[in-house]
N, C-alpha and C. Protein backbone atom coordinates (compact mmCIF):
# COMPACT_ATOMS: atom_id res chain seq x y z
N MET A 1 111.33 101.14 91.01
CA MET A 1 110.98 99.84 90.49
C MET A 1 111.54 99.72 89.08
N VAL A 2 112.27 98.67 88.86
CA VAL A 2 112.87 98.43 87.56
C VAL A 2 112.13 97.27 86.90
N LEU A 3 111.64 97.51 85.71
CA LEU A 3 110.92 96.47 84.99
C LEU A 3 111.89 95.45 84.42
N PRO A 4 111.52 94.16 84.46
CA PRO A 4 112.38 93.15 83.84
C PRO A 4 112.26 93.23 82.32
N PRO A 5 113.18 92.61 81.62
CA PRO A 5 113.07 92.61 80.16
C PRO A 5 111.82 91.85 79.71
N PRO A 6 111.32 92.15 78.51
CA PRO A 6 110.12 91.46 78.03
C PRO A 6 110.35 89.96 77.86
N VAL A 7 109.29 89.20 78.00
CA VAL A 7 109.34 87.74 77.88
C VAL A 7 108.40 87.34 76.76
N ASN A 8 108.91 86.65 75.77
CA ASN A 8 108.09 86.21 74.65
C ASN A 8 107.84 84.71 74.76
N ARG A 9 107.11 84.35 75.82
CA ARG A 9 106.76 82.95 76.05
C ARG A 9 105.33 82.88 76.56
N ASN A 10 104.75 81.70 76.49
CA ASN A 10 103.40 81.47 76.99
C ASN A 10 103.46 81.30 78.50
N LEU A 11 103.17 82.36 79.24
CA LEU A 11 103.28 82.31 80.69
C LEU A 11 102.12 81.58 81.35
N PHE A 12 101.11 81.20 80.55
CA PHE A 12 100.02 80.38 81.09
C PHE A 12 100.43 78.92 81.19
N ASP A 13 101.53 78.57 80.54
CA ASP A 13 102.08 77.22 80.61
C ASP A 13 103.18 77.23 81.67
N ALA A 14 102.95 76.53 82.77
CA ALA A 14 103.90 76.56 83.89
C ALA A 14 105.29 76.10 83.47
N ALA A 15 105.37 75.14 82.55
CA ALA A 15 106.68 74.64 82.11
C ALA A 15 107.47 75.74 81.39
N GLU A 16 106.79 76.57 80.61
CA GLU A 16 107.48 77.65 79.91
C GLU A 16 107.86 78.79 80.84
N ALA A 17 107.04 79.03 81.85
CA ALA A 17 107.29 80.13 82.79
C ALA A 17 108.35 79.77 83.82
N GLU A 18 108.54 78.48 84.06
CA GLU A 18 109.48 78.02 85.07
C GLU A 18 110.90 78.44 84.72
N GLY A 19 111.62 78.87 85.72
CA GLY A 19 113.03 79.21 85.52
C GLY A 19 113.28 80.60 84.99
N LEU A 20 112.24 81.39 84.75
CA LEU A 20 112.44 82.74 84.23
C LEU A 20 112.68 83.75 85.34
N GLY A 21 112.49 83.32 86.59
CA GLY A 21 112.72 84.22 87.71
C GLY A 21 111.65 85.30 87.85
N LEU A 22 110.46 85.05 87.32
CA LEU A 22 109.37 86.02 87.42
C LEU A 22 108.66 85.89 88.75
N GLU A 23 108.26 87.01 89.32
CA GLU A 23 107.49 86.99 90.56
C GLU A 23 106.03 86.68 90.22
N THR A 24 105.38 85.97 91.12
CA THR A 24 103.96 85.69 90.92
C THR A 24 103.12 86.64 91.76
N LEU A 25 101.90 86.83 91.34
CA LEU A 25 100.97 87.65 92.11
C LEU A 25 100.48 86.86 93.31
N PRO A 26 100.07 87.54 94.36
CA PRO A 26 99.50 86.82 95.52
C PRO A 26 98.31 85.98 95.08
N ALA A 27 98.20 84.79 95.66
CA ALA A 27 97.13 83.87 95.30
C ALA A 27 95.82 84.18 96.02
N THR A 28 95.90 84.85 97.17
CA THR A 28 94.70 85.15 97.95
C THR A 28 94.70 86.63 98.35
N LEU A 29 93.55 87.09 98.80
CA LEU A 29 93.47 88.47 99.30
C LEU A 29 94.34 88.64 100.54
N GLU A 30 94.39 87.62 101.38
CA GLU A 30 95.21 87.69 102.58
C GLU A 30 96.69 87.85 102.22
N GLU A 31 97.14 87.10 101.22
CA GLU A 31 98.53 87.23 100.76
C GLU A 31 98.79 88.62 100.21
N ALA A 32 97.83 89.18 99.50
CA ALA A 32 97.99 90.53 98.94
C ALA A 32 98.13 91.57 100.06
N VAL A 33 97.33 91.41 101.11
CA VAL A 33 97.43 92.34 102.25
C VAL A 33 98.79 92.18 102.92
N GLN A 34 99.26 90.96 103.05
CA GLN A 34 100.56 90.72 103.68
C GLN A 34 101.68 91.36 102.85
N VAL A 35 101.62 91.21 101.54
CA VAL A 35 102.62 91.83 100.67
C VAL A 35 102.58 93.35 100.83
N ALA A 36 101.38 93.91 100.88
CA ALA A 36 101.24 95.36 101.05
C ALA A 36 101.80 95.80 102.40
N GLU A 37 101.53 95.02 103.45
CA GLU A 37 102.05 95.36 104.78
C GLU A 37 103.58 95.39 104.80
N GLU A 38 104.19 94.53 104.02
CA GLU A 38 105.65 94.43 103.98
C GLU A 38 106.29 95.38 102.97
N SER A 39 105.48 96.13 102.26
CA SER A 39 105.98 97.02 101.21
C SER A 39 106.75 98.21 101.78
N GLU A 40 107.98 98.35 101.36
CA GLU A 40 108.80 99.48 101.77
C GLU A 40 108.19 100.79 101.25
N PHE A 41 107.66 100.75 100.03
CA PHE A 41 107.04 101.93 99.44
C PHE A 41 105.87 102.42 100.28
N LEU A 42 104.96 101.50 100.64
CA LEU A 42 103.80 101.90 101.44
C LEU A 42 104.21 102.38 102.83
N ARG A 43 105.26 101.79 103.38
CA ARG A 43 105.75 102.23 104.68
C ARG A 43 106.22 103.70 104.62
N LYS A 44 106.76 104.08 103.47
CA LYS A 44 107.26 105.44 103.30
C LYS A 44 106.13 106.45 103.10
N VAL A 45 105.08 106.06 102.38
CA VAL A 45 104.06 107.04 101.98
C VAL A 45 102.82 107.07 102.87
N LEU A 46 102.56 106.01 103.64
CA LEU A 46 101.38 106.00 104.51
C LEU A 46 101.79 106.19 105.96
N PRO A 47 101.09 107.05 106.68
CA PRO A 47 101.35 107.17 108.11
C PRO A 47 101.10 105.82 108.80
N GLU A 48 101.85 105.54 109.83
CA GLU A 48 101.78 104.23 110.50
C GLU A 48 100.38 103.92 111.01
N GLY A 49 99.72 104.88 111.65
CA GLY A 49 98.37 104.65 112.18
C GLY A 49 97.38 104.32 111.08
N LEU A 50 97.47 105.04 109.97
CA LEU A 50 96.57 104.81 108.85
C LEU A 50 96.80 103.43 108.25
N SER A 51 98.07 103.07 108.05
CA SER A 51 98.35 101.77 107.43
C SER A 51 97.90 100.62 108.33
N LYS A 52 98.13 100.73 109.64
CA LYS A 52 97.70 99.66 110.55
C LYS A 52 96.18 99.49 110.50
N ARG A 53 95.46 100.59 110.53
CA ARG A 53 94.00 100.54 110.49
C ARG A 53 93.51 99.97 109.15
N TYR A 54 94.12 100.43 108.05
CA TYR A 54 93.72 99.97 106.73
C TYR A 54 93.93 98.46 106.59
N PHE A 55 95.11 97.98 106.97
CA PHE A 55 95.39 96.55 106.83
C PHE A 55 94.50 95.72 107.75
N SER A 56 94.20 96.24 108.93
CA SER A 56 93.30 95.55 109.84
C SER A 56 91.90 95.42 109.23
N GLU A 57 91.41 96.50 108.64
CA GLU A 57 90.09 96.46 108.00
C GLU A 57 90.09 95.53 106.78
N GLU A 58 91.16 95.54 106.02
CA GLU A 58 91.23 94.66 104.85
C GLU A 58 91.22 93.19 105.27
N LEU A 59 91.93 92.86 106.34
CA LEU A 59 91.92 91.48 106.82
C LEU A 59 90.54 91.08 107.31
N LYS A 60 89.79 92.02 107.89
CA LYS A 60 88.40 91.73 108.29
C LYS A 60 87.55 91.43 107.05
N ARG A 61 87.76 92.22 106.00
CA ARG A 61 87.01 91.97 104.75
C ARG A 61 87.37 90.62 104.15
N CYS A 62 88.65 90.26 104.21
CA CYS A 62 89.08 88.95 103.71
C CYS A 62 88.39 87.83 104.48
N ALA A 63 88.34 87.98 105.80
CA ALA A 63 87.71 86.95 106.63
C ALA A 63 86.21 86.86 106.33
N ALA A 64 85.57 88.02 106.15
CA ALA A 64 84.13 88.01 105.84
C ALA A 64 83.87 87.31 104.51
N LEU A 65 84.70 87.57 103.52
CA LEU A 65 84.54 86.91 102.22
C LEU A 65 84.80 85.41 102.34
N ARG A 66 85.87 85.05 103.03
CA ARG A 66 86.24 83.64 103.18
C ARG A 66 85.14 82.87 103.91
N ASN A 67 84.49 83.50 104.88
CA ASN A 67 83.48 82.81 105.69
C ASN A 67 82.05 82.93 105.14
N ALA A 68 81.89 83.65 104.05
CA ALA A 68 80.56 83.82 103.47
C ALA A 68 80.06 82.50 102.88
N PRO A 69 78.78 82.18 103.08
CA PRO A 69 78.24 80.94 102.51
C PRO A 69 78.34 80.91 100.98
N ASP A 70 78.13 82.06 100.36
CA ASP A 70 78.23 82.18 98.90
C ASP A 70 79.14 83.37 98.60
N GLN A 71 80.40 83.09 98.26
CA GLN A 71 81.37 84.16 98.07
C GLN A 71 81.01 85.09 96.91
N ALA A 72 80.48 84.53 95.84
CA ALA A 72 80.09 85.37 94.70
C ALA A 72 78.98 86.34 95.09
N GLU A 73 78.01 85.86 95.84
CA GLU A 73 76.92 86.72 96.30
C GLU A 73 77.45 87.79 97.26
N HIS A 74 78.34 87.41 98.13
CA HIS A 74 78.95 88.36 99.07
C HIS A 74 79.66 89.48 98.31
N GLU A 75 80.46 89.12 97.30
CA GLU A 75 81.15 90.14 96.50
C GLU A 75 80.15 91.03 95.78
N ARG A 76 79.09 90.43 95.23
CA ARG A 76 78.10 91.22 94.51
C ARG A 76 77.43 92.24 95.43
N VAL A 77 77.05 91.81 96.62
CA VAL A 77 76.35 92.69 97.55
C VAL A 77 77.27 93.78 98.10
N TYR A 78 78.48 93.42 98.50
CA TYR A 78 79.35 94.38 99.18
C TYR A 78 80.23 95.20 98.25
N TYR A 79 80.51 94.70 97.06
CA TYR A 79 81.42 95.43 96.18
C TYR A 79 80.79 95.95 94.89
N PHE A 80 79.70 95.33 94.47
CA PHE A 80 79.08 95.73 93.21
C PHE A 80 77.62 96.13 93.40
N ASN A 81 77.28 96.60 94.55
CA ASN A 81 75.91 96.92 94.89
C ASN A 81 75.34 98.02 93.99
N ALA A 82 76.14 98.93 93.53
CA ALA A 82 75.66 100.06 92.73
C ALA A 82 75.39 99.68 91.28
N ILE A 83 75.82 98.51 90.88
CA ILE A 83 75.67 98.11 89.47
C ILE A 83 74.29 97.54 89.24
């Protein structure tokens, strides 16, 4: 992975960020799982059976969060229960 050169602009302003050729982060958990599934790096380091199972379970978690009546409460119960 090669890092791009530093950018000295306000990237929170879409007009300033436009045209710089920067990649954006996935907007949803589902998109993040899809990017991970397509990752050449992960394909190399994770056994196929493990990666298929992991991505399947992550998509189930995404669906559970998306379908929860209160997403904040769902995250608190399932991800921050020990706090």
